[in-house]
Amino acid sequence: MSTRRIALASLSSLALLASAAPLLAQQRQAPIFSIEGGANFQALRGNVYSDLNDGRGAEALFTVGISNFALSAGYQRSWHDVAGESRQATLSGFFVEPRLALPFAASNFTPYLYGRGGLLERAESIGGTEVTSNATQLGGGVGSLIFLAKGVQLNVGGGYQYLRAGRRIADDTRARGGAFVMRAGLTLGGSTGWARDPGF
């Protein structure tokens, strides 16, 4: 299966579960606001960033959740060594991330599916000149919010992002690839947050 089909399949699964939301909905209807920060690891594949090694980074999100749904907007940034060179490149950009909590949660954790779409900018310094290029990302994965304290959850997850670069002038083609992503961070909610908090 191609990397593009993997990304489209993950988003299709998210849409299918969203259509069944009335059957899965929790009894919480008031919007819940939360902020999140964490670290990520990206294993790059394909020819879109074939000259970059795998990298580590960070991301921050603001989330609005209601019932089983949440919608996040955030910013991500990662650092990658350029293969065979003594310099680094950064991949950074804004994204949106819808989430759907799954119904088979225990009292202390909330598993969920997520999708992510956004624009990535590659930036690096070559010979003293700042060089940038853009690529779109589209994908998704699974994660879980794990209760730590009232309004505080550990957020862990992993997924796949399909990447597509802008057109090349010479032959009007686009470089394609992807990234396997792992991430972990903390989510700070309002009174209880979007996740299930036992005892409250």
N, C-alpha and C. Protein backbone atom coordinates (compact mmCIF):
# COMPACT_ATOMS: atom_id res chain seq x y z
N MET A 1 0.84 -1.19 0.00
CA MET A 1 0.00 0.00 0.00
C MET A 1 0.88 1.24 0.00
N SER A 2 0.57 2.24 -0.86
CA SER A 2 1.39 3.44 -0.95
C SER A 2 1.23 4.29 0.29
N THR A 3 2.21 5.18 0.50
CA THR A 3 2.14 6.08 1.66
C THR A 3 0.93 6.98 1.58
N ARG A 4 0.55 7.39 0.38
CA ARG A 4 -0.62 8.25 0.24
C ARG A 4 -1.88 7.51 0.64
N ARG A 5 -1.98 6.23 0.25
CA ARG A 5 -3.17 5.46 0.61
C ARG A 5 -3.25 5.23 2.10
N ILE A 6 -2.09 5.07 2.76
CA ILE A 6 -2.09 4.91 4.22
C ILE A 6 -2.67 6.15 4.89
N ALA A 7 -2.24 7.33 4.43
CA ALA A 7 -2.72 8.57 5.01
C ALA A 7 -4.21 8.74 4.76
N LEU A 8 -4.68 8.45 3.53
CA LEU A 8 -6.09 8.58 3.21
C LEU A 8 -6.94 7.58 3.98
N ALA A 9 -6.40 6.38 4.20
CA ALA A 9 -7.14 5.36 4.95
C ALA A 9 -7.33 5.77 6.40
N SER A 10 -6.31 6.39 7.00
CA SER A 10 -6.42 6.81 8.39
C SER A 10 -7.46 7.90 8.53
N LEU A 11 -7.53 8.83 7.56
CA LEU A 11 -8.52 9.89 7.63
C LEU A 11 -9.93 9.35 7.35
N SER A 12 -10.02 8.35 6.49
CA SER A 12 -11.32 7.74 6.22
C SER A 12 -11.87 7.05 7.45
N SER A 13 -10.98 6.39 8.22
CA SER A 13 -11.40 5.74 9.46
C SER A 13 -11.91 6.75 10.46
N LEU A 14 -11.24 7.91 10.53
CA LEU A 14 -11.67 8.97 11.43
C LEU A 14 -13.04 9.48 11.04
N ALA A 15 -13.28 9.66 9.74
CA ALA A 15 -14.57 10.15 9.27
C ALA A 15 -15.67 9.13 9.53
N LEU A 16 -15.36 7.83 9.39
CA LEU A 16 -16.35 6.79 9.63
C LEU A 16 -16.80 6.79 11.08
N LEU A 17 -15.84 6.90 12.00
CA LEU A 17 -16.20 6.94 13.41
C LEU A 17 -16.95 8.22 13.75
N ALA A 18 -16.62 9.30 13.08
CA ALA A 18 -17.32 10.56 13.35
C ALA A 18 -18.79 10.45 12.99
N SER A 19 -19.12 9.67 11.94
CA SER A 19 -20.51 9.50 11.53
C SER A 19 -21.31 8.73 12.57
N ALA A 20 -20.61 7.98 13.44
CA ALA A 20 -21.29 7.21 14.49
C ALA A 20 -21.26 7.94 15.82
N ALA A 21 -20.95 9.21 15.81
CA ALA A 21 -20.78 9.96 17.05
C ALA A 21 -21.98 9.93 17.98
N PRO A 22 -23.22 10.04 17.47
CA PRO A 22 -24.35 10.01 18.40
C PRO A 22 -24.40 8.76 19.26
N LEU A 23 -23.88 7.64 18.76
CA LEU A 23 -23.89 6.41 19.53
C LEU A 23 -22.75 6.37 20.53
N LEU A 24 -21.70 7.15 20.29
CA LEU A 24 -20.51 7.11 21.12
C LEU A 24 -20.43 8.26 22.11
N ALA A 25 -21.32 9.23 21.97
CA ALA A 25 -21.17 10.48 22.72
C ALA A 25 -21.20 10.25 24.22
N GLN A 26 -20.36 10.99 24.92
CA GLN A 26 -20.40 11.01 26.37
C GLN A 26 -21.48 11.99 26.80
N GLN A 27 -21.70 12.09 28.10
CA GLN A 27 -22.72 12.97 28.63
C GLN A 27 -22.20 14.37 28.90
N ARG A 28 -20.97 14.68 28.50
CA ARG A 28 -20.40 16.00 28.71
C ARG A 28 -20.65 16.83 27.46
N GLN A 29 -21.40 17.94 27.58
CA GLN A 29 -21.75 18.75 26.43
C GLN A 29 -21.09 20.12 26.45
N ALA A 30 -20.67 20.61 27.60
CA ALA A 30 -20.04 21.92 27.66
C ALA A 30 -18.65 21.86 27.03
N PRO A 31 -18.27 22.88 26.26
CA PRO A 31 -16.93 22.89 25.66
C PRO A 31 -15.84 22.86 26.73
N ILE A 32 -14.78 22.13 26.44
CA ILE A 32 -13.63 22.04 27.34
C ILE A 32 -12.42 22.60 26.59
N PHE A 33 -11.68 23.49 27.23
CA PHE A 33 -10.51 24.10 26.61
C PHE A 33 -9.24 23.56 27.28
N SER A 34 -8.23 23.32 26.48
CA SER A 34 -6.97 22.82 27.04
C SER A 34 -5.80 23.29 26.19
N ILE A 35 -4.64 23.28 26.80
CA ILE A 35 -3.39 23.56 26.09
C ILE A 35 -2.48 22.35 26.24
N GLU A 36 -1.60 22.18 25.27
CA GLU A 36 -0.75 20.99 25.26
C GLU A 36 0.64 21.33 24.73
N GLY A 37 1.64 20.74 25.31
CA GLY A 37 3.00 20.88 24.83
C GLY A 37 3.71 19.55 24.94
N GLY A 38 4.61 19.28 24.00
CA GLY A 38 5.29 18.00 24.05
C GLY A 38 6.43 17.91 23.06
N ALA A 39 7.05 16.74 23.05
CA ALA A 39 8.17 16.44 22.16
C ALA A 39 7.73 15.43 21.12
N ASN A 40 8.40 15.42 19.97
CA ASN A 40 8.08 14.45 18.94
C ASN A 40 9.35 13.92 18.28
N PHE A 41 9.22 12.77 17.65
CA PHE A 41 10.29 12.16 16.87
C PHE A 41 9.73 11.84 15.50
N GLN A 42 10.46 12.22 14.45
CA GLN A 42 9.99 12.01 13.09
C GLN A 42 11.00 11.19 12.29
N ALA A 43 10.54 10.04 11.79
CA ALA A 43 11.35 9.18 10.93
C ALA A 43 10.90 9.42 9.49
N LEU A 44 11.72 10.13 8.73
CA LEU A 44 11.35 10.55 7.38
C LEU A 44 11.54 9.42 6.37
N ARG A 45 10.62 9.34 5.41
CA ARG A 45 10.68 8.34 4.36
C ARG A 45 10.36 9.00 3.02
N GLY A 46 10.77 8.36 1.92
CA GLY A 46 10.46 8.87 0.59
C GLY A 46 11.48 9.89 0.11
N ASN A 47 11.19 10.51 -1.02
CA ASN A 47 12.17 11.41 -1.63
C ASN A 47 11.91 12.88 -1.37
N VAL A 48 10.85 13.21 -0.62
CA VAL A 48 10.58 14.62 -0.39
C VAL A 48 11.67 15.26 0.49
N TYR A 49 12.16 14.50 1.48
CA TYR A 49 13.26 14.96 2.32
C TYR A 49 14.33 13.87 2.39
N SER A 50 14.71 13.35 1.24
CA SER A 50 15.63 12.20 1.21
C SER A 50 17.02 12.54 1.73
N ASP A 51 17.37 13.81 1.76
CA ASP A 51 18.69 14.20 2.25
C ASP A 51 18.71 14.54 3.73
N LEU A 52 17.58 14.37 4.42
CA LEU A 52 17.51 14.69 5.84
C LEU A 52 17.45 13.42 6.68
N ASN A 53 18.16 13.42 7.79
CA ASN A 53 18.08 12.31 8.75
C ASN A 53 16.83 12.48 9.61
N ASP A 54 16.49 11.40 10.32
CA ASP A 54 15.38 11.48 11.27
C ASP A 54 15.69 12.57 12.30
N GLY A 55 14.64 13.17 12.85
CA GLY A 55 14.86 14.29 13.76
C GLY A 55 13.92 14.32 14.94
N ARG A 56 14.28 15.16 15.90
CA ARG A 56 13.47 15.37 17.10
C ARG A 56 12.98 16.80 17.12
N GLY A 57 11.84 17.00 17.78
CA GLY A 57 11.29 18.34 17.80
C GLY A 57 10.31 18.55 18.94
N ALA A 58 9.50 19.59 18.80
CA ALA A 58 8.52 19.96 19.82
C ALA A 58 7.28 20.50 19.12
N GLU A 59 6.18 20.50 19.85
CA GLU A 59 4.93 21.04 19.32
C GLU A 59 4.08 21.58 20.46
N ALA A 60 3.20 22.51 20.12
CA ALA A 60 2.27 23.10 21.08
C ALA A 60 0.91 23.21 20.43
N LEU A 61 -0.16 22.95 21.21
CA LEU A 61 -1.51 22.94 20.67
C LEU A 61 -2.48 23.64 21.61
N PHE A 62 -3.53 24.21 21.03
CA PHE A 62 -4.69 24.69 21.78
C PHE A 62 -5.88 23.88 21.31
N THR A 63 -6.65 23.32 22.24
CA THR A 63 -7.70 22.37 21.91
C THR A 63 -9.05 22.80 22.49
N VAL A 64 -10.09 22.63 21.70
CA VAL A 64 -11.47 22.79 22.15
C VAL A 64 -12.14 21.44 22.00
N GLY A 65 -12.68 20.89 23.09
CA GLY A 65 -13.32 19.59 23.06
C GLY A 65 -14.77 19.67 23.52
N ILE A 66 -15.62 18.86 22.91
CA ILE A 66 -17.01 18.75 23.34
C ILE A 66 -17.45 17.32 23.07
N SER A 67 -18.03 16.69 24.09
CA SER A 67 -18.43 15.30 24.00
C SER A 67 -17.21 14.48 23.59
N ASN A 68 -17.33 13.65 22.55
CA ASN A 68 -16.21 12.80 22.13
C ASN A 68 -15.27 13.47 21.13
N PHE A 69 -15.57 14.71 20.75
CA PHE A 69 -14.80 15.38 19.72
C PHE A 69 -13.89 16.45 20.31
N ALA A 70 -12.78 16.67 19.63
CA ALA A 70 -11.89 17.78 19.96
C ALA A 70 -11.26 18.28 18.68
N LEU A 71 -11.01 19.57 18.63
CA LEU A 71 -10.34 20.17 17.49
C LEU A 71 -9.17 21.00 18.01
N SER A 72 -8.00 20.70 17.51
CA SER A 72 -6.78 21.38 17.96
C SER A 72 -6.18 22.19 16.82
N ALA A 73 -5.52 23.27 17.19
CA ALA A 73 -4.70 24.05 16.27
C ALA A 73 -3.34 24.19 16.93
N GLY A 74 -2.27 23.99 16.16
CA GLY A 74 -0.97 24.02 16.81
C GLY A 74 0.17 24.37 15.87
N TYR A 75 1.36 24.33 16.46
CA TYR A 75 2.59 24.64 15.74
C TYR A 75 3.62 23.58 16.08
N GLN A 76 4.34 23.09 15.08
CA GLN A 76 5.36 22.07 15.29
C GLN A 76 6.69 22.51 14.69
N ARG A 77 7.78 22.00 15.27
CA ARG A 77 9.11 22.32 14.77
C ARG A 77 10.03 21.16 15.10
N SER A 78 10.83 20.74 14.12
CA SER A 78 11.78 19.66 14.35
C SER A 78 13.11 20.00 13.67
N TRP A 79 14.17 19.39 14.18
CA TRP A 79 15.53 19.65 13.71
C TRP A 79 16.11 18.37 13.12
N HIS A 80 16.71 18.49 11.93
CA HIS A 80 17.22 17.33 11.20
C HIS A 80 18.61 17.62 10.65
N ASP A 81 19.53 16.69 10.87
CA ASP A 81 20.85 16.80 10.25
C ASP A 81 20.74 16.52 8.76
N VAL A 82 21.45 17.30 7.97
CA VAL A 82 21.52 17.04 6.53
C VAL A 82 22.56 15.96 6.29
N ALA A 83 22.17 14.88 5.62
CA ALA A 83 23.06 13.75 5.41
C ALA A 83 24.34 14.17 4.69
N GLY A 84 25.48 13.79 5.26
CA GLY A 84 26.76 14.08 4.64
C GLY A 84 27.21 15.51 4.78
N GLU A 85 26.46 16.32 5.54
CA GLU A 85 26.81 17.73 5.72
C GLU A 85 26.94 18.04 7.21
N SER A 86 27.59 19.16 7.50
CA SER A 86 27.74 19.59 8.89
C SER A 86 26.74 20.69 9.24
N ARG A 87 25.57 20.62 8.67
CA ARG A 87 24.55 21.62 8.94
C ARG A 87 23.22 20.95 9.23
N GLN A 88 22.29 21.74 9.75
CA GLN A 88 20.97 21.27 10.09
C GLN A 88 19.91 22.01 9.28
N ALA A 89 18.77 21.34 9.15
CA ALA A 89 17.59 21.97 8.57
C ALA A 89 16.44 21.83 9.57
N THR A 90 15.54 22.79 9.56
CA THR A 90 14.36 22.71 10.42
C THR A 90 13.12 22.49 9.55
N LEU A 91 12.17 21.74 10.08
CA LEU A 91 10.85 21.59 9.49
C LEU A 91 9.86 22.16 10.48
N SER A 92 9.08 23.14 10.07
CA SER A 92 8.17 23.80 11.01
C SER A 92 6.92 24.25 10.28
N GLY A 93 5.84 24.42 11.05
CA GLY A 93 4.61 24.92 10.45
C GLY A 93 3.41 24.76 11.36
N PHE A 94 2.31 25.38 10.95
CA PHE A 94 1.05 25.31 11.68
C PHE A 94 0.20 24.16 11.13
N PHE A 95 -0.68 23.63 11.98
CA PHE A 95 -1.52 22.51 11.57
C PHE A 95 -2.84 22.54 12.33
N VAL A 96 -3.80 21.79 11.83
CA VAL A 96 -5.05 21.53 12.54
C VAL A 96 -5.15 20.03 12.78
N GLU A 97 -5.77 19.66 13.91
CA GLU A 97 -5.82 18.26 14.30
C GLU A 97 -7.16 17.93 14.94
N PRO A 98 -8.10 17.32 14.20
CA PRO A 98 -9.33 16.81 14.81
C PRO A 98 -9.06 15.50 15.55
N ARG A 99 -9.77 15.30 16.66
CA ARG A 99 -9.62 14.07 17.44
C ARG A 99 -10.99 13.49 17.77
N LEU A 100 -11.06 12.19 17.85
CA LEU A 100 -12.28 11.49 18.22
C LEU A 100 -11.96 10.48 19.31
N ALA A 101 -12.51 10.70 20.51
CA ALA A 101 -12.29 9.76 21.62
C ALA A 101 -13.03 8.46 21.35
N LEU A 102 -12.38 7.34 21.64
CA LEU A 102 -12.97 6.03 21.42
C LEU A 102 -13.77 5.60 22.65
N PRO A 103 -14.80 4.77 22.46
CA PRO A 103 -15.71 4.45 23.55
C PRO A 103 -15.17 3.44 24.55
N PHE A 104 -14.09 2.73 24.23
CA PHE A 104 -13.61 1.69 25.14
C PHE A 104 -12.49 2.22 26.02
N ALA A 105 -12.80 3.23 26.81
CA ALA A 105 -11.82 3.84 27.71
C ALA A 105 -11.97 3.28 29.11
N ALA A 106 -10.83 3.15 29.80
CA ALA A 106 -10.85 2.81 31.22
C ALA A 106 -11.02 4.10 32.00
N SER A 107 -11.07 3.98 33.32
CA SER A 107 -11.33 5.15 34.14
C SER A 107 -10.19 6.15 34.12
N ASN A 108 -8.99 5.72 33.77
CA ASN A 108 -7.86 6.62 33.86
C ASN A 108 -7.21 6.94 32.51
N PHE A 109 -7.80 6.51 31.40
CA PHE A 109 -7.22 6.90 30.12
C PHE A 109 -8.29 7.01 29.05
N THR A 110 -8.00 7.86 28.06
CA THR A 110 -8.92 8.12 26.96
C THR A 110 -8.19 7.88 25.63
N PRO A 111 -8.38 6.73 25.00
CA PRO A 111 -7.77 6.52 23.68
C PRO A 111 -8.52 7.31 22.62
N TYR A 112 -7.83 7.73 21.56
CA TYR A 112 -8.48 8.52 20.53
C TYR A 112 -7.79 8.31 19.19
N LEU A 113 -8.54 8.62 18.13
CA LEU A 113 -8.00 8.71 16.78
C LEU A 113 -7.80 10.18 16.45
N TYR A 114 -6.80 10.47 15.63
CA TYR A 114 -6.60 11.86 15.23
C TYR A 114 -6.22 11.94 13.76
N GLY A 115 -6.49 13.08 13.18
CA GLY A 115 -6.01 13.41 11.85
C GLY A 115 -5.22 14.70 11.95
N ARG A 116 -4.31 14.92 11.02
CA ARG A 116 -3.53 16.16 11.04
C ARG A 116 -3.27 16.62 9.61
N GLY A 117 -3.50 17.91 9.39
CA GLY A 117 -3.21 18.52 8.11
C GLY A 117 -2.57 19.88 8.31
N GLY A 118 -1.62 20.21 7.45
CA GLY A 118 -0.96 21.49 7.60
C GLY A 118 0.11 21.71 6.55
N LEU A 119 0.86 22.77 6.73
CA LEU A 119 1.93 23.15 5.83
C LEU A 119 3.25 23.17 6.58
N LEU A 120 4.26 22.53 6.01
CA LEU A 120 5.59 22.51 6.60
C LEU A 120 6.56 23.36 5.77
N GLU A 121 7.38 24.10 6.46
CA GLU A 121 8.44 24.86 5.80
C GLU A 121 9.79 24.30 6.20
N ARG A 122 10.60 23.99 5.19
CA ARG A 122 11.97 23.58 5.44
C ARG A 122 12.86 24.83 5.35
N ALA A 123 13.69 25.02 6.36
CA ALA A 123 14.59 26.17 6.37
C ALA A 123 15.99 25.72 6.75
N GLU A 124 16.98 26.27 6.06
CA GLU A 124 18.38 25.96 6.34
C GLU A 124 19.27 27.07 5.81
N SER A 125 20.46 27.14 6.33
CA SER A 125 21.42 28.15 5.89
C SER A 125 22.48 27.49 5.02
N ILE A 126 22.59 27.94 3.76
CA ILE A 126 23.56 27.40 2.82
C ILE A 126 24.45 28.53 2.34
N GLY A 127 25.71 28.45 2.72
CA GLY A 127 26.65 29.50 2.32
C GLY A 127 26.27 30.86 2.84
N GLY A 128 25.67 30.91 4.02
CA GLY A 128 25.26 32.18 4.60
C GLY A 128 23.93 32.70 4.11
N THR A 129 23.28 31.96 3.22
CA THR A 129 21.98 32.37 2.68
C THR A 129 20.88 31.47 3.24
N GLU A 130 19.79 32.08 3.72
CA GLU A 130 18.66 31.30 4.24
C GLU A 130 17.82 30.79 3.07
N VAL A 131 17.66 29.47 3.01
CA VAL A 131 16.91 28.83 1.92
C VAL A 131 15.69 28.14 2.51
N THR A 132 14.52 28.35 1.91
CA THR A 132 13.29 27.74 2.40
C THR A 132 12.54 27.06 1.26
N SER A 133 11.73 26.07 1.63
CA SER A 133 10.83 25.40 0.70
C SER A 133 9.66 24.85 1.49
N ASN A 134 8.53 24.60 0.81
CA ASN A 134 7.32 24.17 1.49
C ASN A 134 6.85 22.80 1.05
N ALA A 135 6.12 22.14 1.95
CA ALA A 135 5.47 20.86 1.65
C ALA A 135 4.18 20.79 2.46
N THR A 136 3.18 20.11 1.93
CA THR A 136 1.95 19.88 2.67
C THR A 136 2.03 18.54 3.39
N GLN A 137 1.32 18.45 4.52
CA GLN A 137 1.27 17.19 5.26
C GLN A 137 -0.18 16.83 5.53
N LEU A 138 -0.48 15.54 5.46
CA LEU A 138 -1.82 15.04 5.70
C LEU A 138 -1.71 13.61 6.22
N GLY A 139 -2.30 13.33 7.36
CA GLY A 139 -2.20 11.98 7.92
C GLY A 139 -2.99 11.85 9.19
N GLY A 140 -2.60 10.91 10.01
CA GLY A 140 -3.31 10.67 11.26
C GLY A 140 -2.68 9.53 12.03
N GLY A 141 -3.35 9.15 13.12
CA GLY A 141 -2.82 8.09 13.96
C GLY A 141 -3.70 7.85 15.17
N VAL A 142 -3.12 7.26 16.19
CA VAL A 142 -3.83 6.95 17.43
C VAL A 142 -3.05 7.51 18.60
N GLY A 143 -3.75 7.78 19.68
CA GLY A 143 -3.11 8.29 20.88
C GLY A 143 -3.95 7.97 22.11
N SER A 144 -3.46 8.41 23.25
CA SER A 144 -4.21 8.23 24.49
C SER A 144 -3.85 9.33 25.48
N LEU A 145 -4.87 9.86 26.13
CA LEU A 145 -4.70 10.78 27.24
C LEU A 145 -4.78 9.97 28.53
N ILE A 146 -3.76 10.07 29.36
CA ILE A 146 -3.66 9.27 30.58
C ILE A 146 -3.72 10.19 31.79
N PHE A 147 -4.66 9.94 32.69
CA PHE A 147 -4.87 10.78 33.86
C PHE A 147 -3.65 10.78 34.78
N LEU A 148 -3.21 12.00 35.15
CA LEU A 148 -2.14 12.16 36.12
C LEU A 148 -2.64 12.87 37.38
N ALA A 149 -3.40 13.92 37.19
CA ALA A 149 -3.98 14.70 38.28
C ALA A 149 -5.18 15.43 37.71
N LYS A 150 -5.96 16.06 38.55
CA LYS A 150 -7.15 16.75 38.08
C LYS A 150 -6.77 17.81 37.06
N GLY A 151 -7.29 17.67 35.84
CA GLY A 151 -6.98 18.62 34.78
C GLY A 151 -5.63 18.45 34.14
N VAL A 152 -4.92 17.36 34.45
CA VAL A 152 -3.58 17.13 33.89
C VAL A 152 -3.53 15.72 33.33
N GLN A 153 -3.20 15.60 32.04
CA GLN A 153 -3.09 14.29 31.41
C GLN A 153 -1.77 14.16 30.66
N LEU A 154 -1.22 12.96 30.66
CA LEU A 154 -0.10 12.61 29.79
C LEU A 154 -0.68 12.23 28.44
N ASN A 155 -0.15 12.82 27.38
CA ASN A 155 -0.65 12.56 26.04
C ASN A 155 0.44 11.86 25.22
N VAL A 156 0.17 10.63 24.80
CA VAL A 156 1.12 9.87 23.99
C VAL A 156 0.41 9.42 22.72
N GLY A 157 1.18 9.30 21.64
CA GLY A 157 0.56 8.87 20.39
C GLY A 157 1.58 8.60 19.32
N GLY A 158 1.09 8.09 18.22
CA GLY A 158 1.94 7.81 17.07
C GLY A 158 1.10 7.72 15.82
N GLY A 159 1.71 8.02 14.67
CA GLY A 159 0.96 7.97 13.42
C GLY A 159 1.86 8.14 12.23
N TYR A 160 1.23 8.44 11.10
CA TYR A 160 1.95 8.60 9.84
C TYR A 160 1.44 9.85 9.13
N GLN A 161 2.37 10.64 8.59
CA GLN A 161 2.04 11.84 7.84
C GLN A 161 2.52 11.70 6.40
N TYR A 162 1.60 11.86 5.46
CA TYR A 162 1.96 11.88 4.04
C TYR A 162 2.45 13.28 3.71
N LEU A 163 3.60 13.39 3.04
CA LEU A 163 4.22 14.66 2.70
C LEU A 163 4.31 14.82 1.19
N ARG A 164 4.01 16.04 0.74
CA ARG A 164 4.09 16.32 -0.69
C ARG A 164 4.68 17.71 -0.88
N ALA A 165 5.77 17.79 -1.62
CA ALA A 165 6.46 19.06 -1.82
C ALA A 165 5.84 19.84 -2.96
N GLY A 166 6.24 21.12 -3.08
CA GLY A 166 5.78 21.95 -4.19
C GLY A 166 6.35 21.46 -5.52
N ARG A 167 5.78 21.96 -6.61
CA ARG A 167 6.21 21.52 -7.94
C ARG A 167 7.66 21.90 -8.22
N ARG A 168 8.35 20.99 -8.89
CA ARG A 168 9.68 21.30 -9.40
C ARG A 168 9.53 22.02 -10.75
N ILE A 169 10.29 23.07 -10.91
CA ILE A 169 10.15 23.86 -12.14
C ILE A 169 10.57 23.06 -13.37
N ALA A 170 11.61 22.22 -13.25
CA ALA A 170 12.18 21.55 -14.41
C ALA A 170 11.19 20.59 -15.08
N ASP A 171 10.56 19.72 -14.31
CA ASP A 171 9.72 18.69 -14.93
C ASP A 171 8.28 18.68 -14.41
N ASP A 172 7.89 19.70 -13.64
CA ASP A 172 6.52 19.85 -13.15
C ASP A 172 6.05 18.64 -12.33
N THR A 173 6.97 18.02 -11.62
CA THR A 173 6.61 16.91 -10.75
C THR A 173 6.70 17.35 -9.29
N ARG A 174 6.19 16.52 -8.41
CA ARG A 174 6.24 16.81 -6.98
C ARG A 174 6.95 15.67 -6.25
N ALA A 175 7.86 16.03 -5.37
CA ALA A 175 8.50 15.01 -4.54
C ALA A 175 7.51 14.57 -3.47
N ARG A 176 7.49 13.27 -3.18
CA ARG A 176 6.55 12.73 -2.21
C ARG A 176 7.30 11.90 -1.17
N GLY A 177 6.67 11.74 -0.04
CA GLY A 177 7.26 10.93 1.01
C GLY A 177 6.35 10.91 2.21
N GLY A 178 6.94 10.69 3.37
CA GLY A 178 6.14 10.65 4.58
C GLY A 178 7.01 10.64 5.81
N ALA A 179 6.35 10.59 6.95
CA ALA A 179 7.06 10.57 8.22
C ALA A 179 6.27 9.74 9.22
N PHE A 180 6.94 8.76 9.83
CA PHE A 180 6.37 8.07 10.98
C PHE A 180 6.67 8.93 12.20
N VAL A 181 5.63 9.22 12.99
CA VAL A 181 5.76 10.19 14.08
C VAL A 181 5.38 9.55 15.41
N MET A 182 6.20 9.78 16.41
CA MET A 182 5.87 9.45 17.80
C MET A 182 5.94 10.73 18.61
N ARG A 183 5.02 10.86 19.58
CA ARG A 183 4.99 12.09 20.37
C ARG A 183 4.54 11.81 21.79
N ALA A 184 4.95 12.68 22.70
CA ALA A 184 4.55 12.57 24.10
C ALA A 184 4.59 13.96 24.70
N GLY A 185 3.60 14.26 25.54
CA GLY A 185 3.55 15.58 26.16
C GLY A 185 2.51 15.64 27.25
N LEU A 186 2.28 16.84 27.76
CA LEU A 186 1.29 17.08 28.81
C LEU A 186 0.16 17.93 28.28
N THR A 187 -1.07 17.57 28.67
CA THR A 187 -2.26 18.34 28.35
C THR A 187 -2.84 18.91 29.63
N LEU A 188 -3.05 20.21 29.64
CA LEU A 188 -3.61 20.89 30.81
C LEU A 188 -4.99 21.39 30.45
N GLY A 189 -6.02 20.80 31.11
CA GLY A 189 -7.39 21.14 30.79
C GLY A 189 -7.98 22.13 31.77
N GLY A 190 -9.29 22.42 31.57
CA GLY A 190 -10.00 23.32 32.47
C GLY A 190 -10.23 22.64 33.81
N SER A 191 -11.48 22.32 34.11
CA SER A 191 -11.77 21.67 35.39
C SER A 191 -11.32 20.21 35.37
N THR A 192 -11.62 19.52 34.26
CA THR A 192 -11.20 18.12 34.14
C THR A 192 -10.51 17.82 32.82
N GLY A 193 -10.63 18.73 31.87
CA GLY A 193 -10.03 18.47 30.57
C GLY A 193 -10.91 17.59 29.69
N TRP A 194 -10.50 17.39 28.45
CA TRP A 194 -11.28 16.60 27.51
C TRP A 194 -11.25 15.13 27.90
N ALA A 195 -10.16 14.68 28.52
CA ALA A 195 -10.04 13.28 28.90
C ALA A 195 -10.91 12.95 30.10
N ARG A 196 -11.09 11.67 30.33
CA ARG A 196 -11.83 11.21 31.51
C ARG A 196 -10.93 11.29 32.74
N ASP A 197 -11.37 11.97 33.74
CA ASP A 197 -10.64 12.05 35.00
C ASP A 197 -11.39 11.24 36.06
N PRO A 198 -10.81 10.18 36.59
CA PRO A 198 -11.53 9.38 37.59
C PRO A 198 -11.74 10.16 38.87
N GLY A 199 -12.91 10.01 39.42
CA GLY A 199 -13.19 10.61 40.72
C GLY A 199 -13.73 12.02 40.68
N PHE A 200 -13.96 12.57 39.47
CA PHE A 200 -14.46 13.95 39.38
C PHE A 200 -15.69 14.00 38.50
